[in-house]
C-alpha cells in the first residue's frame, strides 16, 4: 500500500507561510491505516465519512471546485463522490498533477466529457 503523509508527522503540517486565519474546519481522511481514502468525502469502501458533506450542506454550499494531487486518484474520487452527493462539481485542471500519465489521460477525457474542467 502506498504511504501518504500521516497527520502529526513531518511534512503533513500546513506550510508556515500559509495564512490559516480563515480556516474554520479541517477534515481528515485516511484515518484507518488499513483502508485507502482517496476521496475528500469517504474512505474507499464508503465505511467512514469525513464530515465534509454535512459541513458543506449545513453551510448551504452547492458548488465545489477541486484542485490538487493526484488528478487520477484523489481528485477523481472526490469529484465522483461530490457529484453523487448532489454538488455541482468542477476541476481546476491547471492546478492538478497526476501520478500515472496514461491513466490521467483517461481521467481528463472523462472530466472534459462531463464538462467539469475549468482552467
C-alpha atoms as a PDB file:
ATOM      1  CA  UNK A   1       0.000   0.000   0.000  1.00  0.00           C
ATOM      2  CA  UNK A   2       1.290   3.440  -0.875  1.00  0.00           C
ATOM      3  CA  UNK A   3       2.158   5.557   2.141  1.00  0.00           C
ATOM      4  CA  UNK A   4       0.871   9.098   2.322  1.00  0.00           C
ATOM      5  CA  UNK A   5       1.625  11.762   4.862  1.00  0.00           C
ATOM      6  CA  UNK A   6       0.142  10.979   8.252  1.00  0.00           C
ATOM      7  CA  UNK A   7      -1.397  13.597  10.496  1.00  0.00           C
ATOM      8  CA  UNK A   8       1.020  14.998  13.068  1.00  0.00           C
ATOM      9  CA  UNK A   9       4.106  13.822  11.147  1.00  0.00           C
ATOM     10  CA  UNK A  10       6.808  15.867   9.455  1.00  0.00           C
ATOM     11  CA  UNK A  11       5.605  17.143   6.091  1.00  0.00           C
ATOM     12  CA  UNK A  12       1.907  16.870   6.943  1.00  0.00           C
ATOM     13  CA  UNK A  13       1.638  20.235   8.671  1.00  0.00           C
ATOM     14  CA  UNK A  14       0.452  23.395   6.945  1.00  0.00           C
ATOM     15  CA  UNK A  15       3.278  25.413   5.387  1.00  0.00           C
ATOM     16  CA  UNK A  16       4.483  28.167   7.703  1.00  0.00           C
ATOM     17  CA  UNK A  17       3.731  30.804   5.071  1.00  0.00           C
ATOM     18  CA  UNK A  18       0.109  29.696   4.657  1.00  0.00           C
ATOM     19  CA  UNK A  19      -2.369  32.123   6.212  1.00  0.00           C
ATOM     20  CA  UNK A  20      -4.581  29.774   8.218  1.00  0.00           C
ATOM     21  CA  UNK A  21      -6.626  32.530   9.874  1.00  0.00           C
ATOM     22  CA  UNK A  22      -9.649  31.860   7.638  1.00  0.00           C
ATOM     23  CA  UNK A  23      -9.620  28.086   8.004  1.00  0.00           C
ATOM     24  CA  UNK A  24     -12.691  27.271  10.059  1.00  0.00           C
ATOM     25  CA  UNK A  25     -12.555  23.491   9.933  1.00  0.00           C
ATOM     26  CA  UNK A  26     -10.058  20.807   8.947  1.00  0.00           C
ATOM     27  CA  UNK A  27     -11.318  17.445   7.655  1.00  0.00           C
ATOM     28  CA  UNK A  28      -9.166  14.350   7.889  1.00  0.00           C
ATOM     29  CA  UNK A  29      -9.170  11.429   5.504  1.00  0.00           C
ATOM     30  CA  UNK A  30      -7.165   8.241   5.597  1.00  0.00           C
ATOM     31  CA  UNK A  31      -7.621   7.784   9.319  1.00  0.00           C
ATOM     32  CA  UNK A  32      -7.705   3.975   9.033  1.00  0.00           C
ATOM     33  CA  UNK A  33      -4.292   2.631   8.042  1.00  0.00           C
ATOM     34  CA  UNK A  34      -5.935  -0.483   6.535  1.00  0.00           C
ATOM     35  CA  UNK A  35      -8.207   1.427   4.112  1.00  0.00           C
ATOM     36  CA  UNK A  36      -7.113   3.888   1.441  1.00  0.00           C
ATOM     37  CA  UNK A  37      -9.051   7.127   1.307  1.00  0.00           C
ATOM     38  CA  UNK A  38      -8.730   8.923  -1.999  1.00  0.00           C
ATOM     39  CA  UNK A  39     -11.937  10.961  -1.746  1.00  0.00           C
ATOM     40  CA  UNK A  40     -12.314  14.036   0.424  1.00  0.00           C
ATOM     41  CA  UNK A  41     -15.746  12.698   1.406  1.00  0.00           C
ATOM     42  CA  UNK A  42     -15.343   8.957   2.190  1.00  0.00           C
ATOM     43  CA  UNK A  43     -12.815   6.159   2.521  1.00  0.00           C
ATOM     44  CA  UNK A  44     -12.551   3.847  -0.489  1.00  0.00           C
ATOM     45  CA  UNK A  45     -15.101   1.415   0.939  1.00  0.00           C
ATOM     46  CA  UNK A  46     -17.569   4.168   1.919  1.00  0.00           C
ATOM     47  CA  UNK A  47     -17.407   2.918   5.513  1.00  0.00           C
ATOM     48  CA  UNK A  48     -16.369   6.240   7.033  1.00  0.00           C
ATOM     49  CA  UNK A  49     -17.321   9.767   6.022  1.00  0.00           C
ATOM     50  CA  UNK A  50     -15.009  12.705   6.651  1.00  0.00           C
ATOM     51  CA  UNK A  51     -17.853  15.041   7.608  1.00  0.00           C
ATOM     52  CA  UNK A  52     -17.172  17.390   4.704  1.00  0.00           C
ATOM     53  CA  UNK A  53     -20.516  16.624   3.040  1.00  0.00           C
ATOM     54  CA  UNK A  54     -22.520  17.580   6.135  1.00  0.00           C
ATOM     55  CA  UNK A  55     -20.368  20.660   6.721  1.00  0.00           C
ATOM     56  CA  UNK A  56     -20.857  21.949   3.163  1.00  0.00           C
ATOM     57  CA  UNK A  57     -24.580  21.253   3.114  1.00  0.00           C
ATOM     58  CA  UNK A  58     -25.027  22.948   6.502  1.00  0.00           C
ATOM     59  CA  UNK A  59     -23.210  25.975   5.058  1.00  0.00           C
ATOM     60  CA  UNK A  60     -25.569  25.830   2.042  1.00  0.00           C
ATOM     61  CA  UNK A  61     -22.706  25.224  -0.382  1.00  0.00           C
ATOM     62  CA  UNK A  62     -23.919  23.643  -3.603  1.00  0.00           C
ATOM     63  CA  UNK A  63     -20.918  24.146  -5.890  1.00  0.00           C
ATOM     64  CA  UNK A  64     -17.416  22.744  -5.280  1.00  0.00           C
ATOM     65  CA  UNK A  65     -14.106  23.133  -7.113  1.00  0.00           C
ATOM     66  CA  UNK A  66     -11.256  20.656  -6.833  1.00  0.00           C
ATOM     67  CA  UNK A  67      -7.526  21.016  -7.388  1.00  0.00           C
ATOM     68  CA  UNK A  68      -4.589  19.034  -6.094  1.00  0.00           C
ATOM     69  CA  UNK A  69      -2.742  15.758  -6.084  1.00  0.00           C
ATOM     70  CA  UNK A  70      -3.395  13.474  -7.683  1.00  0.00           C
ATOM     71  CA  UNK A  71      -5.751  14.049 -10.593  1.00  0.00           C
ATOM     72  CA  UNK A  72      -6.024  10.325 -11.305  1.00  0.00           C
ATOM     73  CA  UNK A  73      -6.821   9.319  -7.715  1.00  0.00           C
ATOM     74  CA  UNK A  74      -7.809  11.817  -5.011  1.00  0.00           C
ATOM     75  CA  UNK A  75      -9.262  14.439  -7.333  1.00  0.00           C
ATOM     76  CA  UNK A  76     -11.163  11.867  -9.413  1.00  0.00           C
ATOM     77  CA  UNK A  77     -12.638  10.050  -6.397  1.00  0.00           C
ATOM     78  CA  UNK A  78     -13.584  13.353  -4.782  1.00  0.00           C
ATOM     79  CA  UNK A  79     -15.287  14.545  -7.967  1.00  0.00           C
ATOM     80  CA  UNK A  80     -17.251  11.326  -8.319  1.00  0.00           C
ATOM     81  CA  UNK A  81     -18.405  11.472  -4.687  1.00  0.00           C
ATOM     82  CA  UNK A  82     -19.254  15.185  -4.863  1.00  0.00           C
ATOM     83  CA  UNK A  83     -21.451  14.593  -7.905  1.00  0.00           C
ATOM     84  CA  UNK A  84     -23.128  11.604  -6.246  1.00  0.00           C
ATOM     85  CA  UNK A  85     -23.823  13.784  -3.195  1.00  0.00           C
ATOM     86  CA  UNK A  86     -25.535  16.383  -5.396  1.00  0.00           C
ATOM     87  CA  UNK A  87     -22.886  19.097  -5.597  1.00  0.00           C
ATOM     88  CA  UNK A  88     -22.274  20.990  -8.820  1.00  0.00           C
ATOM     89  CA  UNK A  89     -18.673  19.970  -9.317  1.00  0.00           C
ATOM     90  CA  UNK A  90     -15.681  21.343 -11.224  1.00  0.00           C
ATOM     91  CA  UNK A  91     -11.958  20.621 -11.501  1.00  0.00           C
ATOM     92  CA  UNK A  92      -9.358  23.353 -11.875  1.00  0.00           C
ATOM     93  CA  UNK A  93      -7.212  21.189 -14.123  1.00  0.00           C
ATOM     94  CA  UNK A  94      -4.249  23.587 -14.298  1.00  0.00           C
ATOM     95  CA  UNK A  95      -3.892  23.217 -10.518  1.00  0.00           C
ATOM     96  CA  UNK A  96      -3.760  19.418 -10.566  1.00  0.00           C
ATOM     97  CA  UNK A  97      -0.952  16.930 -11.027  1.00  0.00           C
ATOM     98  CA  UNK A  98      -1.098  13.234 -11.783  1.00  0.00           C
ATOM     99  CA  UNK A  99       0.688  10.056 -10.800  1.00  0.00           C
ATOM    100  CA  UNK A 100       0.100   7.881 -13.864  1.00  0.00           C
ATOM    101  CA  UNK A 101       0.333   9.755 -17.181  1.00  0.00           C
ATOM    102  CA  UNK A 102      -1.569   7.068 -19.082  1.00  0.00           C
ATOM    103  CA  UNK A 103      -4.375   6.878 -16.539  1.00  0.00           C
ATOM    104  CA  UNK A 104      -4.674  10.638 -16.186  1.00  0.00           C
ATOM    105  CA  UNK A 105      -5.322  10.985 -19.938  1.00  0.00           C
ATOM    106  CA  UNK A 106      -8.484   8.912 -19.473  1.00  0.00           C
ATOM    107  CA  UNK A 107      -9.421  10.800 -16.316  1.00  0.00           C
ATOM    108  CA  UNK A 108      -9.097  14.178 -18.035  1.00  0.00           C
ATOM    109  CA  UNK A 109     -11.098  12.885 -21.010  1.00  0.00           C
ATOM    110  CA  UNK A 110     -13.835  11.738 -18.597  1.00  0.00           C
ATOM    111  CA  UNK A 111     -13.820  15.114 -16.820  1.00  0.00           C
ATOM    112  CA  UNK A 112     -13.955  17.039 -20.103  1.00  0.00           C
ATOM    113  CA  UNK A 113     -16.808  14.875 -21.430  1.00  0.00           C
ATOM    114  CA  UNK A 114     -18.780  15.680 -18.276  1.00  0.00           C
ATOM    115  CA  UNK A 115     -17.944  19.400 -18.710  1.00  0.00           C
ATOM    116  CA  UNK A 116     -16.241  19.515 -15.326  1.00  0.00           C
ATOM    117  CA  UNK A 117     -12.900  21.075 -16.311  1.00  0.00           C
ATOM    118  CA  UNK A 118     -12.089  24.693 -15.505  1.00  0.00           C
ATOM    119  CA  UNK A 119      -8.787  26.468 -16.076  1.00  0.00           C
END
